[in-house]
Protein backbone atom coordinates (compact mmCIF):
# COMPACT_ATOMS: atom_id res chain seq x y z
CA MET A 1 0.15 -0.13 -0.06
CA PRO A 2 1.62 3.29 -0.88
CA ALA A 3 2.46 5.77 2.43
CA ASP A 4 -0.05 8.57 2.51
CA GLN A 5 0.17 12.02 2.57
CA ARG A 6 0.23 12.42 6.21
CA LEU A 7 3.29 10.32 6.04
CA LYS A 8 4.41 12.05 3.10
CA ASP A 9 4.39 15.24 4.37
CA ALA A 10 5.91 14.76 7.44
CA LEU A 11 8.85 12.52 6.20
CA ARG A 12 9.00 15.73 3.86
CA LEU A 13 10.66 17.69 7.15
CA ILE A 14 13.25 15.34 7.82
CA LEU A 15 14.03 13.34 4.87
CA ASP A 16 14.55 16.76 2.30
CA ASP A 17 17.01 18.73 2.45
CA PRO A 18 16.20 22.82 3.15
CA GLY A 19 19.27 23.74 1.00
CA ASP A 20 18.05 21.48 -2.14
CA SER A 21 16.97 23.29 -4.91
CA GLU A 22 14.06 21.22 -5.15
CA ARG A 23 12.84 21.73 -1.60
CA THR A 24 9.67 22.18 -0.91
CA GLY A 25 9.07 25.65 0.15
CA ARG A 26 11.24 26.32 3.95
CA GLY A 27 14.69 27.44 4.68
CA LYS A 28 16.68 29.38 2.43
CA LYS A 29 18.77 28.02 -0.45
CA ARG A 30 22.96 27.06 0.76
CA ASP A 31 25.53 26.47 -1.59
CA ASP A 32 26.99 24.40 1.25
CA ARG A 33 25.30 21.02 0.01
CA GLU A 34 28.09 18.60 -0.12
CA GLU A 35 28.60 19.20 3.49
CA ARG A 36 25.41 18.88 4.56
CA TRP A 37 25.35 15.85 3.31
CA HIS A 38 27.26 14.38 6.14
CA GLY A 39 25.29 12.88 9.49
CA THR A 40 22.65 13.18 7.98
CA ALA A 41 19.01 10.94 9.18
CA ALA A 42 17.94 7.71 6.31
CA VAL A 43 14.79 5.78 6.41
CA TYR A 44 14.17 1.50 6.50
CA PRO A 45 12.66 0.46 4.35
CA PRO A 46 14.52 2.86 2.06
CA ASP A 47 10.86 1.84 -0.56
CA TRP A 48 8.60 3.23 2.47
CA GLU A 49 6.64 5.17 0.36
CA GLU A 50 5.94 2.15 -1.97
CA CYS A 51 5.52 -0.22 1.42
CA GLY A 52 2.80 2.44 2.73
CA TYR A 53 4.95 2.50 6.46
CA VAL A 54 8.49 3.70 8.23
CA GLU A 55 10.12 0.66 10.64
CA TYR A 56 12.70 3.16 11.84
CA PHE A 57 14.82 6.67 11.37
CA TYR A 58 18.58 5.68 11.36
CA ARG A 59 22.09 7.96 10.93
CA ARG A 60 23.15 6.71 7.90
CA ASP A 61 26.87 5.08 7.23
CA THR A 62 27.29 4.71 11.52
CA ILE A 63 26.23 2.08 14.31
CA LEU A 64 26.68 1.91 17.91
CA VAL A 65 28.53 -0.78 20.24
CA ARG A 66 28.94 -1.70 23.33
CA THR A 67 33.26 -0.13 24.98
CA GLU A 68 34.12 -3.39 25.74
CA GLU A 69 33.28 -4.65 22.20
CA VAL A 70 34.67 -2.33 19.51
CA GLU A 71 37.46 -4.30 19.55
CA LEU A 72 35.41 -7.71 18.55
CA VAL A 73 32.99 -5.30 15.72
CA LEU A 74 36.23 -3.95 14.15
CA GLU A 75 37.88 -7.54 13.31
CA THR A 76 34.79 -8.89 12.34
CA LEU A 77 34.01 -5.26 9.83
CA ARG A 78 37.15 -5.96 8.49
CA GLU A 79 37.98 -9.72 8.17
CA SER A 80 37.66 -11.93 4.73
CA PRO A 81 33.96 -14.09 5.08
CA MET A 82 33.29 -16.66 5.46
CA PRO A 83 34.18 -19.81 3.09
CA GLY A 84 31.43 -19.70 -0.08
CA ASP A 85 30.96 -16.49 0.43
CA ASP A 86 32.28 -14.14 -1.79
CA ARG A 87 30.56 -10.45 -0.78
CA GLY A 88 34.25 -10.06 0.76
CA PRO A 89 34.23 -7.38 3.95
CA ILE A 90 32.42 -6.35 5.67
CA ILE A 91 33.79 -2.70 5.47
CA PRO A 92 37.31 -2.91 2.92
CA GLU A 93 40.45 -2.42 4.49
CA ASN A 94 41.07 0.90 2.90
CA VAL A 95 37.70 2.62 4.12
CA ALA A 96 38.49 4.77 6.55
CA ILE A 97 36.38 3.87 10.01
CA ASP A 98 36.17 6.81 12.59
CA ARG A 99 34.59 7.47 16.43
CA LEU A 100 31.83 8.77 17.03
CA PRO A 101 31.94 10.71 20.31
CA VAL A 102 28.39 9.01 22.04
CA ILE A 103 27.53 8.08 25.90
CA GLY A 104 30.43 6.89 28.22
CA GLY A 105 30.29 2.88 27.48
CA VAL A 106 28.85 3.14 23.71
CA THR A 107 31.32 3.93 21.39
CA GLY A 108 29.94 5.69 17.32
CA LEU A 109 31.37 3.52 14.05
CA VAL A 110 31.72 5.79 10.94
CA TRP A 111 31.97 5.84 7.28
CA ARG A 112 31.56 7.69 4.67
CA TYR A 113 28.42 10.31 4.92
CA GLY A 114 28.50 8.85 8.29
CA ARG A 115 31.69 11.19 9.19
CA THR A 116 32.47 14.39 9.61
CA PHE A 117 32.52 16.60 5.96
CA ARG A 118 35.77 18.14 7.48
CA SER A 119 38.19 15.07 7.87
CA VAL A 120 36.32 13.46 4.88
CA LYS A 121 37.49 16.80 2.34
CA ALA A 122 41.20 17.16 4.17
CA GLY A 123 41.97 13.16 2.89
CA LYS A 124 42.39 12.69 7.05
CA PRO A 125 42.71 8.51 8.06
CA GLY A 126 40.02 6.89 9.80
CA LYS A 127 41.11 6.28 14.03
CA PHE A 128 40.15 2.93 13.25
CA GLY A 129 41.78 2.61 10.24
CA GLY A 130 41.70 3.23 6.15
CA LYS A 131 42.07 6.35 4.20
CA ASP A 132 39.81 5.94 1.35
CA PHE A 133 35.49 7.67 0.85
CA GLY A 134 34.34 4.12 -0.07
CA GLY A 135 32.34 5.31 -2.62
CA LYS A 136 31.75 8.35 -4.35
CA ARG A 137 31.86 11.67 -3.04
CA ASP A 138 28.97 13.15 -4.61
CA GLY A 139 25.76 12.54 -1.79
CA ARG A 140 23.94 10.19 -4.06
CA TYR A 141 22.99 7.98 -1.68
CA ASP A 142 22.14 3.73 -2.36
CA ASP A 143 20.35 3.07 1.17
CA THR A 144 20.72 -0.44 -0.18
CA ASP A 145 24.60 -0.37 -1.64
CA ALA A 146 27.12 -3.06 0.52
CA LEU A 147 28.13 -0.27 3.00
CA SER A 148 24.41 0.78 3.81
CA THR A 149 23.78 0.92 7.58
CA PRO A 150 21.44 -2.05 7.51
CA THR A 151 23.73 -3.70 5.38
CA VAL A 152 26.28 -3.54 7.37
CA LEU A 153 24.31 -4.36 10.64
CA ALA A 154 22.34 -7.36 8.64
CA ARG A 155 25.55 -8.95 7.38
CA VAL A 156 27.33 -8.27 11.48
CA ASP A 157 24.34 -10.02 13.02
CA GLU A 158 25.22 -12.86 10.92
CA ARG A 159 28.09 -13.66 12.30
CA LEU A 160 28.32 -11.89 15.48
CA GLY A 161 24.31 -12.52 16.51
CA ARG A 162 21.77 -9.72 16.72
CA ASP A 163 22.37 -7.06 19.42
CA VAL A 164 26.31 -6.70 19.65
CA VAL A 165 26.00 -3.71 16.77
CA PHE A 166 22.75 -1.19 17.05
CA ALA A 167 21.35 1.86 14.36
CA CYS A 168 22.25 4.93 15.93
CA HIS A 169 18.20 5.49 16.03
CA ALA A 170 16.92 8.86 15.60
CA LEU A 171 13.74 9.69 17.28
CA PRO A 172 11.15 11.96 16.56
CA GLN A 173 8.42 14.12 18.51
CA ASN A 174 6.30 11.49 17.15
CA GLY A 175 5.42 7.71 16.79
CA ASN A 176 6.80 6.69 12.65
CA GLY A 177 7.25 10.35 11.80
CA HIS A 178 3.83 11.54 11.38
CA PRO A 179 3.31 15.35 12.22
CA CYS A 180 3.31 15.64 16.17
CA PRO A 181 1.99 14.67 18.19
CA ALA A 182 -1.58 13.35 16.88
CA THR A 183 -2.76 16.87 15.52
CA GLU A 184 -1.72 19.59 14.53
CA PRO A 185 -1.96 22.39 16.81
CA ALA A 186 -5.63 24.48 16.30
CA GLU A 187 -7.01 27.47 17.14
CA LEU A 188 -8.80 29.49 19.93
CA PRO A 189 -11.14 31.54 19.39
CA SER A 190 -10.18 33.75 22.05
CA ARG A 191 -7.02 34.23 24.36
CA SER A 192 -8.87 34.42 27.24
CA ALA A 193 -9.36 30.17 26.75
CA SER A 194 -8.10 28.86 30.02
CA PRO A 195 -5.74 26.05 30.03
CA GLU A 196 -7.45 21.76 30.29
CA PRO A 197 -6.52 20.47 32.21
CA PRO A 198 -7.45 23.40 34.20
CA VAL A 199 -4.71 24.50 37.04
CA SER A 200 -4.83 22.05 40.11
CA ASP A 201 -5.61 24.83 43.28
CA GLY A 202 -3.19 21.59 45.33
CA ILE A 203 -6.21 20.39 47.34
CA CYS A 204 -6.85 16.67 47.31
CA CYS A 205 -9.17 15.15 49.14
CA GLY A 206 -9.22 17.84 51.94
CA THR A 207 -5.59 18.16 52.50
CA HIS A 208 -2.82 20.98 50.47
CA GLY A 209 0.26 20.22 49.37
CA TRP A 210 -0.14 18.43 46.52
CA ASP A 211 1.19 21.15 44.52
CA GLY A 212 4.36 19.56 43.20
CA ARG A 213 6.38 22.20 45.83
CA ASP A 214 10.39 21.58 45.57
CA VAL A 215 10.32 18.92 42.81
CA MET A 216 12.14 19.04 39.98
CA VAL A 217 10.68 17.70 36.76
CA GLY A 218 12.88 17.81 33.46
CA VAL A 219 11.82 17.44 30.14
CA VAL A 220 13.46 16.50 26.85
CA ASP A 221 12.17 18.35 24.02
CA ASP A 222 13.06 21.05 21.73
CA GLY A 223 13.52 23.61 24.54
CA LEU A 224 11.13 26.87 25.67
CA VAL A 225 9.11 29.94 24.21
CA LYS A 226 10.21 32.21 26.95
CA SER A 227 7.74 35.10 25.68
CA THR A 228 5.22 32.91 25.92
CA ALA A 229 5.98 31.38 29.29
CA GLU A 230 6.15 35.36 30.86
CA MET A 231 2.05 35.66 29.76
CA TRP A 232 0.80 32.84 31.74
CA SER A 233 0.30 32.64 35.09
CA TRP A 234 0.49 29.05 36.04
CA MET A 235 3.78 28.93 33.62
CA ALA A 236 6.26 31.47 36.22
CA GLY A 237 8.97 30.40 36.54
CA VAL A 238 9.87 27.25 34.12
CA SER A 239 12.68 27.34 32.70
CA GLY A 240 15.04 25.53 30.09
CA ASP A 241 17.26 25.98 26.92
CA ALA A 242 15.61 28.65 24.32
CA ASP A 243 13.48 27.02 21.62
CA ASN A 244 12.95 30.62 19.33
CA PRO A 245 9.04 29.17 17.34
CA ILE A 246 9.18 31.85 14.12
CA ALA A 247 10.67 31.45 10.84
CA ASP A 248 10.33 33.41 7.62
CA GLY A 249 7.75 35.38 9.93
CA LYS A 250 5.40 31.54 10.72
CA ILE A 251 5.82 29.44 13.14
CA LYS A 252 7.98 26.58 12.24
CA PRO A 253 6.51 23.06 12.64
CA TYR A 254 6.89 21.15 15.78
CA ALA A 255 7.54 24.39 17.69
CA CYS A 256 6.57 25.29 21.09
CA HIS A 257 6.15 21.33 21.64
CA GLY A 258 8.44 21.52 24.73
CA THR A 259 6.47 24.75 26.31
CA PHE A 260 3.03 23.07 25.82
CA VAL A 261 4.09 20.09 27.60
CA ALA A 262 6.04 22.29 30.58
CA GLY A 263 2.13 24.04 30.95
CA CYS A 264 0.43 20.39 30.68
CA VAL A 265 3.43 19.51 34.28
CA ARG A 266 1.98 23.03 35.97
CA CYS A 267 -1.10 22.38 35.60
CA VAL A 268 -0.90 19.25 37.93
CA ALA A 269 1.93 20.77 39.91
CA PRO A 270 1.76 24.52 40.09
CA LYS A 271 4.24 24.52 42.52
CA ALA A 272 7.07 21.83 40.94
CA LYS A 273 10.48 23.40 39.24
CA VAL A 274 9.74 22.77 35.41
CA HIS A 275 13.10 22.60 33.51
CA VAL A 276 13.21 21.95 29.45
CA LYS A 277 16.33 20.74 27.59
CA LYS A 278 16.78 20.93 24.31
CA ALA A 279 17.61 18.08 22.19
CA VAL A 280 19.95 18.75 18.71
CA TYR A 281 17.78 17.90 15.61
CA ILE A 282 19.71 15.75 13.62
CA ASP A 283 21.85 17.91 11.12
CA CYS A 284 20.66 20.34 8.36
CA ARG A 285 17.38 19.22 9.01
CA PRO A 286 16.00 22.36 11.59
CA TYR A 287 12.01 20.97 10.77
CA ALA A 288 12.38 17.61 11.65
CA GLY A 289 11.51 17.20 15.10
CA MET A 290 13.79 14.47 15.42
CA ALA A 291 16.45 13.58 17.22
CA TYR A 292 19.63 10.92 17.38
CA GLU A 293 19.14 8.32 20.57
CA HIS A 294 22.76 9.57 22.15
CA GLU A 295 21.42 13.71 21.60
CA ILE A 296 18.68 12.61 24.09
CA ILE A 297 20.36 10.91 26.57
CA GLN A 298 22.42 13.60 27.29
CA LYS A 299 20.14 15.80 27.96
CA MET A 300 18.36 13.21 29.92
CA SER A 301 22.10 12.63 31.35
CA ASP A 302 22.68 16.77 31.71
CA LEU A 303 19.00 16.89 33.48
CA MET A 304 19.77 14.33 36.04
CA ASP A 305 22.96 16.65 37.02
CA CYS A 306 20.41 19.22 37.96
CA GLY A 307 18.48 17.05 40.15
CA ALA A 308 15.47 16.36 38.12
CA ASP A 309 13.24 13.84 40.76
CA VAL A 310 11.18 13.26 36.95
CA ILE A 311 12.04 12.90 33.49
CA VAL A 312 9.64 13.53 30.83
CA CYS A 313 11.53 12.43 27.95
CA GLU A 314 9.14 13.60 24.78
CA PHE A 315 11.21 11.44 22.05
CA ASP A 316 10.12 8.40 21.18
CA GLY A 317 9.73 5.85 17.73
CA PHE A 318 10.13 2.73 16.42
CA THR A 319 13.31 0.78 16.32
CA ARG A 320 15.16 -1.76 14.56
CA PHE A 321 13.23 -5.40 15.26
CA HIS A 322 11.54 -3.52 17.59
CA ARG A 323 14.77 -3.86 20.30
CA PRO A 324 15.90 -1.76 23.35
CA MET A 325 18.38 0.99 22.30
CA VAL A 326 21.87 0.00 23.72
CA THR A 327 22.42 3.81 24.34
CA PHE A 328 19.24 3.77 26.92
CA ASN A 329 20.70 0.51 28.13
CA VAL A 330 24.47 1.53 29.34
CA PHE A 331 21.81 4.47 30.15
CA TYR A 332 19.99 3.02 32.61
CA ASP A 333 22.72 0.72 33.72
CA LYS A 334 25.61 2.53 34.77
CA ARG A 335 23.45 5.64 35.63
CA LEU A 336 20.01 5.50 36.23
CA ARG A 337 18.99 2.22 37.89
CA HIS A 338 21.42 3.69 41.02
CA LEU A 339 18.96 6.93 41.42
CA ASN A 340 15.36 7.75 41.50
CA VAL A 341 14.21 9.07 39.05
CA VAL A 342 11.55 8.52 37.44
CA VAL A 343 11.36 8.47 33.59
CA VAL A 344 7.57 8.91 31.81
CA ALA A 345 7.48 8.93 28.00
CA PRO A 346 4.63 9.24 24.92
CA ALA A 347 3.73 5.82 24.08
CA GLY A 348 2.82 7.38 20.75
CA ASN A 349 0.76 8.26 17.76
CA ASP A 350 0.81 5.15 15.56
CA THR A 351 -2.99 3.61 16.41
CA THR A 352 -0.51 0.45 17.33
CA TYR A 353 0.31 -2.35 19.43
CA LYS A 354 3.97 -2.73 18.45
CA PRO A 355 6.36 -1.08 21.11
CA THR A 356 7.81 2.26 20.77
CA PHE A 357 10.98 3.03 22.86
CA PRO A 358 11.77 4.55 25.84
CA ALA A 359 8.34 4.07 26.40
CA ALA A 360 8.81 0.30 26.00
CA TYR A 361 11.47 -0.25 28.88
CA SER A 362 10.76 -1.87 32.02
CA TRP A 363 12.46 1.10 34.14
CA VAL A 364 10.13 3.76 31.83
CA ILE A 365 6.12 4.87 32.48
CA GLY A 366 4.97 4.58 29.30
CA VAL A 367 1.66 6.48 28.82
CA GLY A 368 -0.99 7.02 26.06
CA ALA A 369 -4.14 8.71 25.84
CA LEU A 370 -7.45 8.83 27.12
CA SER A 371 -10.31 9.83 24.44
CA ALA A 372 -11.74 13.78 24.88
CA ASP A 373 -14.56 12.49 27.20
CA GLY A 374 -12.53 10.04 29.18
CA ASN A 375 -14.51 6.77 28.38
CA CYS A 376 -12.60 5.14 26.08
CA ARG A 377 -8.40 5.16 24.56
CA ALA A 378 -8.80 8.09 22.00
CA SER A 379 -8.18 6.94 18.29
CA PHE A 380 -4.37 7.83 17.78
CA SER A 381 -3.10 6.14 20.64
CA ASN A 382 -0.70 3.56 20.88
CA TYR A 383 -1.96 0.72 23.62
CA GLY A 384 -1.00 -3.04 24.44
CA GLY A 385 0.55 -4.11 27.53
CA TRP A 386 4.20 -2.30 27.36
CA VAL A 387 1.73 1.16 27.78
CA ASP A 388 1.66 1.76 31.57
CA VAL A 389 -1.64 4.01 31.63
CA TYR A 390 -3.38 5.90 29.61
CA ALA A 391 -4.11 10.21 30.92
CA PRO A 392 -6.41 12.27 29.01
CA GLY A 393 -4.20 13.90 25.91
CA GLU A 394 -7.08 14.50 23.52
CA ASP A 395 -8.38 18.04 23.52
CA LEU A 396 -5.88 19.45 25.61
CA VAL A 397 -5.09 23.37 26.00
CA ASN A 398 -2.04 25.14 27.12
CA ALA A 399 0.40 27.83 26.20
CA PHE A 400 1.59 28.40 22.72
CA THR A 401 3.29 31.12 20.92
CA VAL A 402 1.55 34.28 19.05
CA GLY A 403 2.26 34.43 14.90
CA GLU A 404 1.27 32.78 11.52
CA TYR A 405 1.28 28.90 11.42
CA GLU A 406 0.97 26.76 8.28
CA CYS A 407 -0.11 23.54 8.53
CA ILE A 408 2.80 20.38 7.80
CA GLU A 409 -0.61 18.45 5.95
CA GLU A 410 -2.29 19.44 3.00
CA PRO A 411 -4.01 21.45 2.32
CA HIS A 412 -1.88 23.84 4.10
CA GLU A 413 -3.85 25.23 6.13
CA HIS A 414 -3.20 28.94 8.02
CA ARG A 415 -4.28 29.38 11.41
CA ARG A 416 -3.16 31.96 13.50
CA PHE A 417 -1.94 31.93 17.48
CA GLU A 418 -2.43 34.22 20.37
CA GLY A 419 -0.46 32.63 22.86
CA LEU A 420 -2.86 29.14 23.15
CA ALA A 421 -3.18 25.97 21.15
CA ASN A 422 -5.80 23.11 21.02
CA TRP A 423 -3.49 19.70 20.84
CA SER A 424 -3.93 16.23 21.28
CA GLY A 425 -1.02 13.25 21.46
CA THR A 426 -0.36 10.88 23.98
CA SER A 427 3.12 13.43 24.26
CA PHE A 428 1.02 15.44 26.38
CA SER A 429 -0.80 12.79 28.24
CA ALA A 430 2.90 11.50 29.72
CA PRO A 431 2.99 15.41 31.24
CA LEU A 432 0.26 14.94 32.99
CA VAL A 433 1.48 11.97 34.68
CA ALA A 434 4.64 13.41 35.49
CA GLY A 435 2.96 16.45 36.59
CA MET A 436 1.02 13.59 39.59
CA ILE A 437 4.01 12.25 40.84
CA ALA A 438 6.19 15.43 41.07
CA ALA A 439 2.54 16.08 43.20
CA ARG A 440 2.15 13.77 44.83
CA MET A 441 5.36 14.23 46.03
CA SER A 442 5.12 17.37 47.46
CA ALA A 443 1.98 15.98 49.89
CA THR A 444 3.66 12.71 51.12
CA GLY A 445 7.23 12.97 51.35
CA GLU A 446 7.58 10.21 48.90
CA ASN A 447 10.38 10.29 46.10
CA ALA A 448 9.87 9.44 42.47
CA PRO A 449 9.68 6.04 42.86
CA LEU A 450 7.26 5.20 45.50
CA ALA A 451 5.39 7.89 44.61
CA ALA A 452 4.81 6.78 40.46
CA GLU A 453 3.75 3.35 42.23
CA ALA A 454 1.08 4.65 43.98
CA LEU A 455 -0.52 6.32 41.04
CA LEU A 456 0.02 3.30 38.88
CA ARG A 457 -1.73 1.20 42.00
CA LEU A 458 -4.23 3.25 41.48
CA ALA A 459 -4.23 3.32 37.65
CA ARG A 460 -4.47 -0.71 37.77
CA SER A 461 -7.26 -0.39 40.16
CA GLN A 462 -9.84 1.22 37.90
CA ALA A 463 -8.53 0.17 34.70
CA VAL A 464 -10.75 0.29 31.85
CA LEU A 465 -12.59 -2.77 29.65
CA GLY A 466 -10.77 -1.85 26.29
CA VAL A 467 -8.23 0.74 27.51
CA GLY A 468 -6.14 -0.42 30.64
CA PRO A 469 -5.28 0.81 33.68
CA VAL A 470 -6.26 5.19 33.54
CA LEU A 471 -5.06 8.77 35.82
CA LEU A 472 -6.63 11.64 35.81
CA PRO A 473 -5.29 14.41 36.94
CA HIS A 474 -6.85 15.29 39.94
CA GLN A 475 -6.27 12.08 41.57
CA VAL A 476 -3.05 12.80 42.96
CA CYS A 477 -3.86 10.96 46.16
CA ALA A 478 -4.01 8.12 44.95
CA THR A 479 -7.02 7.48 47.02
CA PRO A 480 -8.79 4.05 45.77
CA ARG A 481 -12.36 4.72 44.29
CA LYS A 482 -14.06 4.61 47.41
CA LEU A 483 -14.97 8.06 49.57
CA CYS A 484 -11.72 8.69 51.74
CA HIS A 485 -14.22 10.44 53.89
CA PRO A 486 -17.88 11.98 53.51
CA SER A 487 -17.10 16.05 52.18
CA CYS A 488 -14.14 14.51 49.90
CA ASP A 489 -14.14 18.09 47.51
CA SER A 490 -12.00 16.15 44.84
CA ALA A 491 -13.99 13.34 43.83
CA CYS A 492 -10.86 11.13 43.81
CA ALA A 493 -13.91 8.46 44.41
CA HIS A 494 -15.47 8.93 41.11
CA ALA A 495 -13.73 8.58 37.77
CA VAL A 496 -15.25 10.36 35.04
CA LEU A 497 -15.09 7.05 33.62
CA SER A 498 -18.81 5.38 32.75
């Protein structure tokens, strides 16, 4: 089945070079095209338009390896093939292989277009041997040739088995390349509209303090539009890396995503300290809404250095063979598992049961979306046993920038925003759950894992048939579904599910 137009529109932002003369309109003509061909992202399968789907995104001519296995992998890449195999070495001895800085415990091996343009142009030898480029340096990729990442991965798998070498995945702020998150931002009739869900008063079951005070929630996303944060009272004090939402006089695709997410956290935990980190987007694709896995991990690590109790990772996607990512595995083993920090991630918006990562990790709370009325799963939400909980994610209202926006999808409708937007997606369900954890921590003194488990226990106790475990923003005290006292003012006993 050919790819639908919605998928094509989204992948245009990821795969098209905005400096190409055949670009689709955004960006300006540039004269450094050769340099812009290095370190770019590709999609598997390469014939995705004919197949109608995307399995995963990856960095060209790059593989990731656990550092202790680098020598084994290099030997395998260079050695002669088994008898009867006439394909030659996986990567010939004359082709330069360099190192890509990743994270502690993981080493990136790069060749051809995975190397830096400066190294290739200067004819520098690779750190791991070789000096030649390994083909024509004309930027005309063939993602099925003998040195393409999928081919190299497959041949190493044949010799060493799976889980030794890995793709360097590019993860979107949305599942499977579809526009982020589930819908494009929608206008509101007036600036006087209120956020949805409404800002909590910090009272639950007649007691105060359920507001996230002295709890830090970190967000890994596209940064913070500071002028927007200054417009709204519930955003006061939110900090983060700057996100410039405007290009060529219009709001950029995916802009304000991190700002909207931060607003969702604050609606549930109005006194929490919220900081938004900006993950570097894939090379030369400023509108892609996508970052490489090691860049995401670095920002998560930075948030832990800042003292984050809860981290919302807004990048999530499919991986090769639906297997865990090596950078996240090593990050957890070497650092996260030793600390009382909780990671929350959206399950994705592809209406599929196939797992996405990092949401599907056992140590991550994967969050799906409920419909606007709360009675069922949102039509776009991913689902399955790997999704830990479902929370509101349809028709939410929160902080956005001011300006004109051109829709990604045809017919490319123009919309005008005045500081608020109506938006849907599991991207916004996840920060609601993160805010609930923070709100509970401030009232009970529990650490993040204990607060999260109390809330998940409540979610499982009120699981909805055909959906799964469910949480609603007002249920921060995790009271079981019975009246905690006759005058319970927060309706914790009454989920709005029927």
